[in-house]
N, C-alpha and C. Protein backbone atom coordinates (compact mmCIF):
# COMPACT_ATOMS: atom_id res chain seq x y z
N MET A 1 -4.10 2.72 -12.00
CA MET A 1 -3.77 3.54 -13.28
C MET A 1 -3.16 4.51 -12.82
N SER A 2 -1.99 4.65 -13.69
CA SER A 2 -1.48 5.85 -12.94
C SER A 2 -1.18 7.29 -13.28
N GLN A 3 -1.42 7.83 -12.70
CA GLN A 3 -2.09 9.87 -12.94
C GLN A 3 -0.46 10.74 -13.55
N SER A 4 -1.56 11.09 -14.28
CA SER A 4 -0.93 11.57 -15.51
C SER A 4 0.35 13.19 -14.91
N LYS A 5 -0.83 14.28 -13.68
CA LYS A 5 -0.17 14.54 -12.77
C LYS A 5 0.23 14.46 -11.26
N PRO A 6 0.94 13.92 -10.52
CA PRO A 6 1.24 13.57 -9.54
C PRO A 6 -0.03 14.04 -8.79
N LEU A 7 -0.28 13.07 -7.78
CA LEU A 7 -1.69 13.63 -6.72
C LEU A 7 -0.33 14.17 -5.30
N THR A 8 -1.73 14.68 -4.50
CA THR A 8 -0.86 15.73 -3.63
C THR A 8 -2.14 15.42 -2.17
N GLU A 9 -1.30 15.54 -0.96
CA GLU A 9 -2.12 15.69 0.35
C GLU A 9 -2.43 14.74 0.83
N LEU A 10 -4.02 14.71 0.36
CA LEU A 10 -5.11 13.63 1.12
C LEU A 10 -5.19 12.00 0.21
N GLU A 11 -5.36 12.77 -0.95
CA GLU A 11 -5.56 12.03 -2.76
C GLU A 11 -3.94 10.92 -2.57
N LEU A 12 -3.31 11.63 -2.19
CA LEU A 12 -1.19 11.24 -1.87
C LEU A 12 -1.84 9.72 -0.85
N ILE A 13 -2.17 10.72 0.15
CA ILE A 13 -2.37 9.58 1.26
C ILE A 13 -3.30 8.89 0.68
N ASP A 14 -4.22 8.41 0.28
CA ASP A 14 -5.29 7.62 -0.13
C ASP A 14 -4.86 6.30 -0.88
N CYS A 15 -4.15 7.57 -1.89
CA CYS A 15 -3.73 6.46 -3.10
C CYS A 15 -2.69 5.33 -2.32
N ALA A 16 -1.43 6.09 -2.01
CA ALA A 16 -0.55 5.41 -1.14
C ALA A 16 -0.61 4.36 -0.48
N LYS A 17 -1.85 4.43 0.49
CA LYS A 17 -2.41 3.65 1.72
C LYS A 17 -3.15 2.19 0.55
N ALA A 18 -3.70 2.92 -0.33
CA ALA A 18 -5.01 1.96 -0.99
C ALA A 18 -3.09 0.55 -2.07
N ASN A 19 -2.45 0.98 -2.22
CA ASN A 19 -1.37 0.80 -3.17
C ASN A 19 -0.53 -0.04 -2.31
N ALA A 20 -0.15 0.25 -0.64
CA ALA A 20 1.15 0.04 0.14
C ALA A 20 1.40 -1.27 -0.61
N LYS A 21 0.73 -2.31 0.03
CA LYS A 21 1.08 -3.89 -0.34
C LYS A 21 1.97 -4.09 -1.71
N GLN A 22 1.80 -3.32 -2.38
CA GLN A 22 2.14 -3.48 -4.10
C GLN A 22 3.60 -3.72 -3.98
N GLY A 23 4.02 -2.62 -2.59
CA GLY A 23 5.30 -1.93 -2.75
C GLY A 23 5.28 -0.25 -3.58
N VAL A 24 6.86 -0.03 -2.98
CA VAL A 24 6.79 1.47 -2.99
C VAL A 24 6.60 1.71 -4.91
N ALA A 25 7.29 1.20 -5.79
CA ALA A 25 7.63 1.42 -6.63
C ALA A 25 6.50 1.23 -7.33
N ASN A 26 5.77 0.44 -7.18
CA ASN A 26 4.11 0.62 -7.64
C ASN A 26 3.96 1.12 -7.58
N ALA A 27 3.26 1.89 -5.89
CA ALA A 27 2.58 2.41 -5.14
C ALA A 27 2.87 4.24 -5.93
N ALA A 28 4.40 4.70 -6.60
CA ALA A 28 5.12 5.64 -7.01
C ALA A 28 4.06 5.69 -8.63
N LYS A 29 4.13 5.20 -9.37
CA LYS A 29 4.13 5.33 -10.52
C LYS A 29 1.92 5.24 -10.21
N LEU A 30 1.44 5.29 -9.35
CA LEU A 30 -0.17 5.02 -9.26
C LEU A 30 -0.29 6.13 -8.91
N CYS A 31 0.19 6.81 -8.00
CA CYS A 31 0.04 8.20 -7.77
C CYS A 31 0.30 9.29 -8.48
N GLY A 32 1.01 9.22 -10.02
CA GLY A 32 1.62 9.72 -10.62
C GLY A 32 3.16 10.04 -10.59
N TYR A 33 3.50 9.47 -9.68
CA TYR A 33 5.17 9.84 -10.34
C TYR A 33 5.96 9.01 -10.71
N GLY A 34 5.78 8.46 -11.45
CA GLY A 34 6.63 7.76 -12.14
C GLY A 34 7.59 6.29 -11.55
N ASP A 35 8.77 6.32 -12.03
CA ASP A 35 9.94 6.03 -11.41
C ASP A 35 10.77 6.40 -10.18
N ASP A 36 10.40 7.95 -9.87
CA ASP A 36 10.94 9.02 -8.97
C ASP A 36 10.57 9.07 -7.41
N VAL A 37 10.76 7.17 -7.31
CA VAL A 37 10.80 7.09 -6.16
C VAL A 37 10.50 7.93 -4.21
N GLU A 38 11.98 8.69 -4.74
CA GLU A 38 12.43 9.42 -3.92
C GLU A 38 11.41 10.72 -3.90
N GLN A 39 10.89 11.18 -5.01
CA GLN A 39 10.23 12.58 -4.55
C GLN A 39 8.85 11.96 -4.24
N PHE A 40 8.18 10.29 -4.53
CA PHE A 40 6.46 10.12 -4.07
C PHE A 40 7.16 9.75 -2.46
N MET A 41 8.14 9.42 -1.79
CA MET A 41 8.36 9.57 -0.35
C MET A 41 8.31 10.90 0.02
N ASP A 42 9.53 12.15 -0.41
CA ASP A 42 9.16 13.27 0.66
C ASP A 42 7.42 13.86 0.08
N ALA A 43 6.67 13.31 -0.84
CA ALA A 43 5.28 14.30 -1.20
C ALA A 43 4.62 13.48 0.11
N LEU A 44 4.85 12.29 0.44
CA LEU A 44 4.38 11.33 0.89
C LEU A 44 4.80 11.73 2.29
N GLN A 45 5.70 11.75 2.90
CA GLN A 45 6.00 12.22 4.72
C GLN A 45 5.20 13.46 4.64
N ALA A 46 5.57 14.60 3.72
CA ALA A 46 5.02 15.60 4.00
C ALA A 46 3.82 15.53 4.30
N ALA A 47 2.87 15.21 3.11
CA ALA A 47 1.67 15.62 3.25
C ALA A 47 1.37 14.52 4.72
N CYS A 48 1.72 13.82 4.92
CA CYS A 48 1.15 13.10 6.29
C CYS A 48 1.43 13.94 7.27
N GLN A 49 2.86 14.28 7.19
CA GLN A 49 3.63 15.76 8.16
C GLN A 49 2.14 15.86 8.48
N ARG A 50 1.07 16.69 7.74
CA ARG A 50 0.84 18.09 7.50
C ARG A 50 -0.57 17.24 8.24
N ILE A 51 -1.35 16.03 8.53
CA ILE A 51 -1.96 15.99 9.20
C ILE A 51 -1.83 15.29 10.21
N GLY A 52 -0.75 14.66 10.58
CA GLY A 52 -0.11 14.73 12.12
C GLY A 52 0.72 13.17 12.20
N VAL A 53 0.52 13.09 11.39
CA VAL A 53 1.32 11.45 11.29
C VAL A 53 2.99 11.24 10.45
N ASN A 54 3.65 10.49 11.29
CA ASN A 54 4.69 11.21 11.04
C ASN A 54 4.89 9.36 10.37
N ILE A 55 5.56 9.21 9.45
CA ILE A 55 5.70 7.86 8.94
C ILE A 55 7.35 7.09 8.28
N ASN A 56 7.27 6.16 7.66
CA ASN A 56 9.31 6.56 7.95
C ASN A 56 9.36 5.59 7.07
N SER A 57 7.95 4.25 6.46
CA SER A 57 8.14 3.49 4.85
C SER A 57 6.86 3.70 4.28
N LEU A 58 6.64 2.99 3.56
CA LEU A 58 5.41 3.17 3.24
C LEU A 58 4.24 1.80 3.66
N SER A 59 5.30 0.99 4.18
CA SER A 59 5.10 0.14 4.62
C SER A 59 4.14 0.33 6.24
N ASP A 60 4.83 1.99 6.43
CA ASP A 60 3.38 2.38 7.77
C ASP A 60 2.47 2.63 7.85
N LEU A 61 2.06 2.90 6.50
CA LEU A 61 0.33 2.99 6.15
C LEU A 61 -0.05 1.40 5.86
N ILE A 62 0.88 0.45 6.42
CA ILE A 62 -0.77 -0.35 5.91
C ILE A 62 -1.49 -0.39 7.61
N THR A 63 -2.36 -0.84 7.03
CA THR A 63 -3.17 -1.37 8.33
C THR A 63 -3.07 -2.74 8.97
N GLU A 64 -3.36 -3.04 10.28
CA GLU A 64 -4.26 -4.22 10.43
C GLU A 64 -4.59 -5.27 9.95
N GLN A 65 -5.34 -4.25 9.51
CA GLN A 65 -6.48 -5.16 8.92
C GLN A 65 -6.83 -5.58 7.10
N GLN A 66 -5.48 -4.37 6.76
CA GLN A 66 -4.79 -4.91 5.24
C GLN A 66 -3.69 -6.35 5.80
N HIS A 67 -3.25 -6.77 6.81
CA HIS A 67 -2.22 -7.51 6.87
C HIS A 67 -3.06 -8.45 7.38
N ASN A 68 -4.09 -8.88 7.87
CA ASN A 68 -4.92 -9.84 7.71
C ASN A 68 -5.79 -10.43 6.76
N ARG A 69 -6.62 -9.78 5.85
CA ARG A 69 -7.13 -9.83 4.39
C ARG A 69 -6.29 -11.02 3.60
N GLN A 70 -7.31 -11.75 3.84
CA GLN A 70 -7.12 -13.00 3.05
C GLN A 70 -9.03 -13.40 2.57
N ILE A 71 -7.72 -13.97 1.11
CA ILE A 71 -9.54 -14.34 0.34
C ILE A 71 -9.93 -15.41 0.80
N PRO A 72 -11.23 -15.40 1.38
CA PRO A 72 -11.15 -16.91 2.16
C PRO A 72 -11.99 -17.97 1.02
N GLY A 73 -12.06 -18.67 1.53
CA GLY A 73 -11.87 -20.23 1.05
C GLY A 73 -12.18 -21.85 2.09
N LEU A 74 -11.63 -22.34 1.21
CA LEU A 74 -12.82 -24.45 2.85
C LEU A 74 -11.41 -24.63 1.77
N GLU A 75 -10.72 -25.50 3.24
CA GLU A 75 -9.40 -25.99 3.09
C GLU A 75 -10.26 -27.51 2.58
N ILE A 76 -9.96 -28.46 1.96
CA ILE A 76 -10.56 -30.00 1.30
C ILE A 76 -9.20 -30.83 1.35
N ALA A 77 -9.24 -32.24 2.97
CA ALA A 77 -7.77 -32.58 2.99
C ALA A 77 -8.93 -33.79 3.88
N PRO A 78 -7.87 -34.96 3.63
CA PRO A 78 -8.55 -35.80 4.09
C PRO A 78 -7.85 -36.72 5.78
N ASP A 79 -9.39 -37.14 6.28
CA ASP A 79 -9.18 -37.28 8.04
C ASP A 79 -7.65 -37.57 8.41
N SER A 80 -7.28 -38.63 7.26
CA SER A 80 -5.49 -38.45 8.23
C SER A 80 -4.82 -39.49 7.06
N SER A 81 -3.67 -39.56 6.79
CA SER A 81 -2.69 -40.17 6.00
C SER A 81 -2.77 -41.10 5.34
N SER A 82 -3.51 -41.77 5.76
CA SER A 82 -3.96 -42.75 5.31
C SER A 82 -5.26 -42.84 4.63
N SER A 83 -5.67 -42.34 4.53
CA SER A 83 -7.07 -42.20 4.08
C SER A 83 -6.65 -41.42 2.38
N LEU A 84 -5.81 -40.98 1.85
CA LEU A 84 -5.56 -40.26 0.72
C LEU A 84 -5.93 -40.76 -0.82
């Protein structure tokens, strides 16, 4: 759900991090910046700098855990190609 007022500081960082995998345009909308990706990134970089974190792009906020997270499932396959 997009915000009517743009998020700032830690709320902005949390929202951006939670939505980083969906892309910068979508994260900007969800954080209350609409289609203004440039203002979103400026605000995000400034907020990150205030807490001592330097980012170059939104993808810098994606953690290794988020990269590795997959939907659990079960692989079902025949034992060999001849037993289809």
